[in-house]
Protein backbone atom coordinates (compact mmCIF):
# COMPACT_ATOMS: atom_id res chain seq x y z
CA MET A 1 -0.18 -0.19 0.09
CA LYS A 2 1.18 3.49 -0.56
CA VAL A 3 0.17 6.28 1.66
CA LEU A 4 0.63 10.39 0.61
CA VAL A 5 0.25 12.23 4.22
CA ILE A 6 -0.12 15.68 3.88
CA ASN A 7 0.73 18.19 6.74
CA ALA A 8 -1.56 21.47 5.16
CA GLY A 9 -1.20 25.22 6.79
CA SER A 10 -2.80 28.53 5.55
CA SER A 11 -0.13 29.13 3.05
CA SER A 12 1.88 26.22 2.41
CA LEU A 13 1.46 22.13 2.27
CA LYS A 14 4.11 19.52 3.00
CA TYR A 15 3.35 15.79 2.03
CA GLN A 16 5.80 12.34 1.89
CA LEU A 17 4.67 9.42 0.14
CA TYR A 18 5.61 6.17 1.86
CA ASP A 19 5.16 2.90 0.49
CA MET A 20 4.11 0.44 3.29
CA THR A 21 5.47 -2.53 2.64
CA ASP A 22 8.61 -1.36 4.42
CA GLU A 23 7.83 1.84 5.40
CA SER A 24 9.91 3.64 2.96
CA VAL A 25 9.46 7.61 2.09
CA LEU A 26 9.57 7.01 -1.96
CA ALA A 27 9.23 11.03 -2.16
CA LYS A 28 8.39 14.28 0.07
CA GLY A 29 8.31 17.84 -0.89
CA LEU A 30 6.95 21.23 0.14
CA VAL A 31 4.42 23.67 -1.66
CA GLU A 32 5.10 27.47 -0.09
CA ARG A 33 3.18 30.84 -0.73
CA ILE A 34 0.17 29.44 -1.40
CA GLY A 35 -2.23 31.98 -2.36
CA MET A 36 0.39 34.65 -4.58
CA ASP A 37 1.60 34.68 -8.54
CA SER A 38 5.22 33.23 -6.87
CA SER A 39 4.44 30.06 -4.57
CA ILE A 40 7.13 27.48 -5.11
CA LEU A 41 6.40 23.96 -5.13
CA THR A 42 10.02 22.30 -3.22
CA HIS A 43 9.86 17.94 -4.20
CA LYS A 44 12.56 16.04 -3.50
CA PRO A 45 12.00 12.55 -4.95
CA THR A 46 14.66 10.17 -3.38
CA GLY A 47 17.50 8.63 -5.22
CA LYS A 48 16.85 11.24 -7.87
CA GLN A 49 17.61 14.81 -8.27
CA GLU A 50 15.67 17.62 -6.09
CA VAL A 51 12.79 19.86 -8.44
CA THR A 52 12.48 23.22 -7.57
CA GLU A 53 9.05 25.37 -9.31
CA VAL A 54 7.86 28.46 -8.81
CA SER A 55 4.48 29.26 -9.85
CA GLU A 56 1.23 30.60 -9.80
CA ILE A 57 -0.68 28.48 -6.84
CA LEU A 58 -3.55 30.41 -5.11
CA GLU A 59 -5.50 27.86 -3.89
CA HIS A 60 -4.64 24.07 -2.21
CA THR A 61 -6.42 21.99 -4.43
CA THR A 62 -4.33 23.07 -7.14
CA ALA A 63 -1.02 22.66 -4.88
CA ILE A 64 -2.30 19.18 -4.46
CA ARG A 65 -2.88 18.51 -8.55
CA LYS A 66 1.03 19.74 -8.60
CA VAL A 67 1.77 17.55 -6.20
CA LEU A 68 0.97 14.89 -7.58
CA ALA A 69 2.24 15.91 -11.17
CA ASN A 70 4.78 16.16 -9.83
CA LEU A 71 4.53 12.59 -7.62
CA THR A 72 3.68 11.06 -11.08
CA ASP A 73 6.09 13.21 -13.89
CA LYS A 74 8.32 10.42 -16.36
CA GLU A 75 11.40 12.23 -15.19
CA HIS A 76 11.25 12.99 -11.55
CA GLY A 77 8.03 10.92 -10.45
CA VAL A 78 8.03 8.09 -8.44
CA ILE A 79 4.67 5.98 -9.47
CA ALA A 80 3.24 5.42 -12.65
CA SER A 81 -0.09 7.12 -11.87
CA ILE A 82 -2.11 8.21 -9.16
CA ASN A 83 -4.05 5.74 -9.62
CA GLU A 84 -0.85 3.55 -7.23
CA ILE A 85 -1.45 6.22 -4.39
CA ASN A 86 -4.13 4.09 -1.94
CA ALA A 87 -4.76 6.03 0.78
CA VAL A 88 -4.30 9.80 2.16
CA GLY A 89 -3.72 11.12 5.79
CA HIS A 90 -3.71 14.51 6.87
CA ARG A 91 -1.85 16.08 9.93
CA VAL A 92 -5.34 18.06 12.26
CA VAL A 93 -4.09 19.64 15.65
CA HIS A 94 -7.09 19.42 17.24
CA GLY A 95 -9.65 16.62 17.76
CA GLY A 96 -11.15 18.87 21.03
CA GLU A 97 -13.21 15.53 22.75
CA SER A 98 -14.74 14.22 19.72
CA PHE A 99 -11.76 12.64 18.59
CA LYS A 100 -9.28 10.52 20.75
CA GLU A 101 -8.05 8.69 18.14
CA SER A 102 -7.28 8.79 14.78
CA ALA A 103 -10.58 8.53 12.15
CA LEU A 104 -11.76 7.69 8.52
CA VAL A 105 -12.66 10.86 6.58
CA THR A 106 -16.52 11.04 6.38
CA THR A 107 -18.64 13.47 6.41
CA GLU A 108 -19.76 13.73 9.87
CA ALA A 109 -15.85 13.89 10.47
CA LYS A 110 -15.35 17.07 8.35
CA THR A 111 -18.65 18.44 10.11
CA GLU A 112 -17.01 18.05 13.38
CA ILE A 113 -13.06 19.00 12.63
CA ARG A 114 -15.44 22.59 10.84
CA ARG A 115 -16.79 22.79 14.36
CA LEU A 116 -13.27 22.75 16.28
CA PHE A 117 -12.28 25.85 14.32
CA ASP A 118 -12.70 28.10 17.74
CA LEU A 119 -10.22 25.53 18.74
CA ALA A 120 -7.78 25.75 16.72
CA PRO A 121 -8.81 28.78 14.20
CA LEU A 122 -4.86 29.15 12.53
CA HIS A 123 -4.94 25.51 12.01
CA ASN A 124 -8.10 23.53 11.70
CA PRO A 125 -9.78 25.23 9.20
CA ALA A 126 -6.01 24.53 6.93
CA ALA A 127 -6.05 21.30 7.38
CA LEU A 128 -9.98 20.91 5.92
CA LEU A 129 -8.92 23.30 3.68
CA GLY A 130 -5.86 20.18 2.94
CA ILE A 131 -8.62 17.35 2.95
CA LEU A 132 -11.16 19.02 0.31
CA ALA A 133 -8.50 19.34 -1.89
CA ALA A 134 -7.21 15.62 -1.47
CA GLU A 135 -11.05 14.19 -2.03
CA SER A 136 -10.90 17.08 -5.50
CA ASN A 137 -7.90 15.36 -6.61
CA MET A 138 -8.53 11.87 -5.77
CA PRO A 139 -11.98 10.90 -5.66
CA GLY A 140 -12.69 7.77 -4.24
CA VAL A 141 -9.62 7.20 -2.24
CA PRO A 142 -9.72 6.76 1.50
CA GLN A 143 -8.36 9.26 3.80
CA THR A 144 -7.90 10.01 7.38
CA VAL A 145 -7.69 12.16 10.48
CA ILE A 146 -4.22 12.14 12.50
CA PHE A 147 -4.84 14.56 15.06
CA ASP A 148 -2.33 16.28 17.87
CA THR A 149 -4.48 16.32 20.38
CA ALA A 150 -5.48 12.21 20.29
CA PHE A 151 -2.82 10.85 22.37
CA HIS A 152 -3.35 13.01 25.01
CA SER A 153 -6.88 11.87 25.50
CA THR A 154 -6.05 10.02 28.29
CA MET A 155 -5.34 12.87 31.15
CA PRO A 156 -7.35 12.37 33.98
CA GLU A 157 -9.21 14.90 35.11
CA LYS A 158 -6.67 15.83 37.96
CA ALA A 159 -4.17 17.04 35.10
CA TYR A 160 -7.07 18.07 32.24
CA LEU A 161 -9.25 20.80 34.10
CA TYR A 162 -8.87 24.09 34.69
CA ALA A 163 -9.33 25.64 38.44
CA ILE A 164 -12.02 27.70 36.81
CA PRO A 165 -16.08 27.45 37.19
CA ARG A 166 -16.83 24.10 35.78
CA VAL A 167 -19.75 25.44 33.33
CA LEU A 168 -17.26 26.95 31.33
CA TYR A 169 -16.27 23.41 30.13
CA SER A 170 -19.25 22.31 30.21
CA LYS A 171 -20.38 25.04 27.62
CA TYR A 172 -17.57 25.90 25.81
CA LYS A 173 -14.97 22.37 26.91
CA ILE A 174 -12.28 24.68 27.95
CA ARG A 175 -9.72 22.45 29.24
CA ARG A 176 -6.02 21.10 28.48
CA TYR A 177 -6.04 19.14 24.92
CA GLY A 178 -1.88 19.30 24.69
CA PHE A 179 -0.35 18.97 21.53
CA HIS A 180 2.21 17.51 19.30
CA GLY A 181 1.04 14.08 20.24
CA THR A 182 2.22 11.85 17.61
CA SER A 183 5.57 12.88 18.25
CA HIS A 184 4.96 11.82 22.01
CA ASP A 185 3.73 8.34 21.03
CA TYR A 186 6.20 7.85 18.48
CA VAL A 187 9.18 8.55 20.48
CA SER A 188 7.94 7.29 23.74
CA LYS A 189 7.49 3.79 21.97
CA ALA A 190 10.98 4.01 20.33
CA ALA A 191 12.64 4.80 23.41
CA ALA A 192 11.15 1.47 25.05
CA GLU A 193 12.33 -0.42 21.88
CA PHE A 194 15.83 1.21 22.40
CA VAL A 195 16.28 -0.06 25.52
CA GLY A 196 14.34 -3.22 25.09
CA ARG A 197 11.87 -3.13 27.86
CA PRO A 198 8.19 -3.27 27.42
CA LEU A 199 7.13 0.20 26.97
CA GLU A 200 3.64 -0.98 29.57
CA GLU A 201 6.06 -0.99 32.34
CA LEU A 202 7.97 1.93 31.72
CA LYS A 203 8.18 5.91 33.28
CA ILE A 204 8.45 7.88 30.24
CA ILE A 205 9.57 11.91 30.51
CA THR A 206 9.27 12.71 26.24
CA CYS A 207 11.08 16.66 25.70
CA HIS A 208 9.60 18.13 22.10
CA ILE A 209 11.62 20.67 22.44
CA GLY A 210 11.67 22.60 18.64
CA ASN A 211 10.49 26.48 18.21
CA GLY A 212 7.20 24.62 19.60
CA ALA A 213 7.97 23.19 22.90
CA SER A 214 6.25 20.85 24.79
CA LEU A 215 6.75 18.06 28.04
CA THR A 216 4.88 14.54 28.02
CA ALA A 217 4.80 12.48 31.15
CA VAL A 218 3.55 8.65 29.55
CA ASP A 219 3.18 6.14 31.53
CA GLY A 220 3.11 2.39 30.73
CA GLY A 221 2.60 4.30 27.50
CA ILE A 222 -0.41 6.82 28.59
CA SER A 223 0.18 9.89 28.47
CA VAL A 224 -1.10 11.01 31.62
CA ASP A 225 -0.03 15.07 31.45
CA THR A 226 1.32 17.68 29.39
CA SER A 227 3.01 21.02 29.36
CA MET A 228 0.69 22.33 26.42
CA GLY A 229 -3.09 23.84 27.29
CA MET A 230 -6.22 24.40 25.46
CA THR A 231 -3.78 25.92 23.12
CA PRO A 232 0.25 26.29 22.19
CA LEU A 233 0.47 28.46 24.19
CA GLU A 234 0.97 27.12 27.18
CA GLY A 235 3.54 25.08 29.18
CA LEU A 236 7.51 25.70 28.36
CA MET A 237 8.85 29.17 27.41
CA MET A 238 9.01 29.12 23.79
CA GLY A 239 10.89 30.31 20.20
CA THR A 240 8.63 33.48 20.36
CA ARG A 241 5.57 31.92 22.75
CA SER A 242 5.66 32.97 26.10
CA GLY A 243 4.80 29.59 27.70
CA ASP A 244 2.97 30.18 31.10
CA ILE A 245 2.17 33.78 32.70
CA ASP A 246 0.19 34.98 35.51
CA PRO A 247 -3.27 35.16 33.33
CA ALA A 248 -3.56 38.60 35.06
CA ILE A 249 -1.19 40.22 33.02
CA VAL A 250 -3.01 39.66 30.06
CA PRO A 251 -6.05 42.81 31.26
CA TYR A 252 -3.19 44.68 33.04
CA VAL A 253 -1.25 44.75 30.03
CA MET A 254 -4.75 45.64 27.75
CA ASN A 255 -5.26 48.22 29.92
CA LYS A 256 -1.97 50.01 30.22
CA GLU A 257 -0.84 49.47 25.98
CA GLU A 258 -4.79 49.96 24.78
CA LEU A 259 -4.02 46.60 23.28
CA THR A 260 -6.77 44.78 21.55
CA HIS A 261 -7.75 41.17 22.31
CA GLY A 262 -5.52 40.40 18.95
CA GLU A 263 -2.97 42.21 19.81
CA VAL A 264 -2.39 41.33 23.05
CA ASN A 265 -2.81 37.01 21.41
CA SER A 266 -0.22 38.38 18.87
CA MET A 267 2.36 39.05 21.23
CA LEU A 268 2.54 36.32 23.89
CA ASN A 269 2.82 34.12 20.46
CA LYS A 270 4.75 35.75 18.08
CA HIS A 271 6.66 38.32 19.84
CA SER A 272 7.40 36.58 23.33
CA GLY A 273 9.72 33.75 24.21
CA MET A 274 13.04 33.59 23.61
CA LEU A 275 12.95 36.45 20.92
CA ALA A 276 11.43 38.82 24.05
CA ILE A 277 14.26 38.15 26.38
CA SER A 278 17.05 37.58 23.67
CA GLY A 279 16.51 41.07 21.76
CA ILE A 280 18.27 39.07 18.69
CA SER A 281 15.89 36.42 17.20
CA SER A 282 13.88 32.95 18.35
CA ASP A 283 16.11 30.10 16.52
CA MET A 284 18.38 28.36 19.73
CA ARG A 285 21.07 28.10 17.32
CA GLU A 286 21.54 31.60 17.66
CA ILE A 287 20.76 32.19 21.23
CA ILE A 288 23.77 29.46 21.88
CA GLU A 289 26.33 32.00 19.59
CA GLY A 290 24.85 34.20 22.01
CA TYR A 291 25.57 32.94 25.16
CA GLU A 292 28.60 31.09 23.96
CA LYS A 293 30.07 35.07 23.24
CA GLY A 294 28.84 36.30 26.29
CA GLU A 295 26.02 37.90 25.52
CA PRO A 296 24.11 39.14 28.28
CA ASN A 297 20.37 39.07 26.80
CA ALA A 298 20.69 36.02 24.86
CA SER A 299 22.44 34.47 27.78
CA LEU A 300 19.29 35.61 30.07
CA ALA A 301 17.02 33.86 26.89
CA PHE A 302 19.26 30.42 27.28
CA GLU A 303 19.39 30.03 31.15
CA MET A 304 15.71 31.06 31.42
CA TYR A 305 14.52 28.67 28.76
CA GLU A 306 17.04 26.29 30.55
CA TYR A 307 15.57 26.94 33.98
CA ARG A 308 12.12 26.27 32.85
CA LEU A 309 12.47 23.25 30.87
CA ARG A 310 14.13 21.73 34.11
CA LYS A 311 11.38 22.56 35.89
CA TYR A 312 9.15 20.66 34.07
CA ILE A 313 11.20 17.64 33.91
CA GLY A 314 11.10 17.43 37.70
CA ALA A 315 7.33 18.54 38.34
CA TYR A 316 6.90 15.17 35.89
CA THR A 317 9.01 13.39 37.94
CA ALA A 318 7.26 13.90 40.25
CA ALA A 319 3.97 13.72 38.55
CA LEU A 320 5.20 10.13 37.19
CA ASN A 321 6.33 9.39 40.75
CA GLY A 322 9.79 8.54 39.54
CA ALA A 323 11.61 8.27 36.05
CA ASP A 324 12.67 5.36 33.93
CA ILE A 325 13.77 7.08 30.66
CA ILE A 326 13.75 10.66 29.49
CA VAL A 327 13.30 11.52 25.95
CA PHE A 328 14.41 14.44 23.87
CA THR A 329 13.71 14.97 20.89
CA ALA A 330 12.74 17.57 17.79
CA GLY A 331 14.74 20.76 15.99
CA VAL A 332 16.08 22.12 19.45
CA GLY A 333 16.33 18.72 21.48
CA GLU A 334 18.03 16.67 19.19
CA ASN A 335 20.85 19.31 18.01
CA ALA A 336 21.16 21.58 20.54
CA SER A 337 24.25 19.42 22.70
CA LEU A 338 24.50 22.38 25.82
CA LEU A 339 21.07 22.55 26.02
CA ARG A 340 21.05 19.14 27.40
CA GLU A 341 23.65 19.65 29.42
CA LYS A 342 22.80 21.82 31.30
CA VAL A 343 19.51 20.39 31.67
CA LEU A 344 21.13 16.87 32.97
CA ARG A 345 23.80 18.46 34.87
CA ASN A 346 21.17 20.32 37.22
CA LEU A 347 18.72 17.25 37.66
CA SER A 348 21.92 14.52 38.96
CA TYR A 349 19.71 14.45 42.24
CA LEU A 350 17.93 12.25 40.23
CA GLY A 351 20.62 10.33 40.00
CA ILE A 352 21.60 11.20 36.60
CA GLU A 353 24.81 10.85 35.00
CA LEU A 354 25.53 12.91 31.86
CA ASP A 355 27.76 10.29 28.92
CA GLU A 356 29.73 13.74 28.07
CA GLU A 357 31.49 12.51 24.50
CA ALA A 358 28.13 10.71 22.93
CA ASN A 359 25.68 13.94 24.36
CA LYS A 360 28.08 15.43 21.51
CA VAL A 361 27.76 12.97 18.62
CA ARG A 362 25.37 14.25 15.66
CA SER A 363 23.57 11.52 14.60
CA GLY A 364 20.34 10.92 12.96
CA ASP A 365 19.71 7.73 15.00
CA PRO A 366 18.69 6.91 18.05
CA ARG A 367 21.25 7.04 20.84
CA ARG A 368 22.13 7.33 24.72
CA ILE A 369 23.75 10.08 26.03
CA SER A 370 23.59 9.02 29.90
CA THR A 371 26.02 6.86 31.16
CA ALA A 372 25.49 3.01 32.06
CA SER A 373 25.51 3.44 36.07
CA SER A 374 23.24 6.76 35.18
CA LYS A 375 19.60 5.85 37.53
CA VAL A 376 17.17 7.66 34.86
CA GLN A 377 18.10 6.71 31.02
CA VAL A 378 18.47 9.68 28.74
CA LEU A 379 18.27 8.71 25.17
CA VAL A 380 18.08 11.44 22.62
CA VAL A 381 15.60 9.37 19.78
CA PRO A 382 14.86 12.18 16.43
CA THR A 383 11.31 12.18 15.73
CA ASN A 384 9.06 11.38 12.96
CA GLU A 385 5.24 12.26 12.83
CA GLU A 386 4.79 11.67 9.22
CA LEU A 387 5.41 7.50 9.74
CA VAL A 388 3.08 7.99 12.93
CA ILE A 389 0.66 9.49 10.69
CA ALA A 390 0.96 6.96 7.33
CA ARG A 391 1.02 3.93 10.11
CA ASP A 392 -2.43 4.94 11.53
CA THR A 393 -3.55 5.41 8.03
CA TYR A 394 -2.36 2.10 6.75
CA ARG A 395 -4.67 0.63 9.97
CA ILE A 396 -7.35 1.96 9.36
CA VAL A 397 -7.69 1.98 6.15
CA GLN A 398 -6.57 -2.18 6.43
CA GLY A 399 -9.04 -2.77 8.26
CA ILE A 400 -12.00 -0.88 6.32
CA ASN A 401 -10.94 -3.49 3.24
CA GLY A 402 -10.81 -6.47 5.67
């Protein structure tokens, strides 16, 4: 079975085509600047030369049509016909309480995704555009939706409810949902496989650290708590997001600066975090460069980031009543060895012993960065959210085909 994985944004569309016989990637690519006359399609067929095309792509239906044209092109294509694509899997950020697992795309599912627009106004509308565009270009091909929130649907009430009037949850479903679920799911399973122990026996803290960042406490393969909340703004300090703040700051600043709801939302999501503190960048690589040069603001941003990350790891160790494994993943988690070192040096009370040389190694494979005698094993596991989507799509479609 060949599965096309699509991650649609408001002006972009990422894709990967998998051959599920061996879970190999036949091709992947990105369409940028959808809605403009200078859109860019970058197509990367495995084993062949990368192709870049600049053209007018005004909406997602055209974007997918061009993706399919590249996948079937005689020179740089990887399949002879779009009929070889047996299923399409879509990443959808927010499933609310309606979707506790991946699902087949149906009329009812599309209606529910549209109803959840309020919970993810930047992401769910774009995902639905991708679904409708794929349906238009590949009528009759089964499609699935895989939700960032689904892995966290196992959180107990004590973890997901906010201490606000219960009626707000009853009426509007205001609660913590969590995100990056496909990543946390993938790396927790990969970590158990790496250490050769049953997932059901392990207490794992997964650290998905990228420009957006979240931690999850995974107990026996089940998410019991996660740092992001009703939206991806809660939790850790991030590249441009504030993370946890005193909520009273919002009305106070709105009153003092005469800000609108839109302006304060933009401030907290796009102009806060490391960007705000460093005054330089939201990119951890530039922050670390400034830190190593002794630049005061970059150093403060790095120290705040490390401190808050470490606090959450400590909190989730308490929530789990111990930890067997800590996993670092995503762009920063996989590549920022200095950040990992600082965090782990300050968690020595847990019996963590860092293997300095192993921590410095750069590799695309899962690896251990703690010593053999460390009481908590620490791993770096490259995430693969697209593969999770492909696997779930394969499972669901195989189920309906018998």
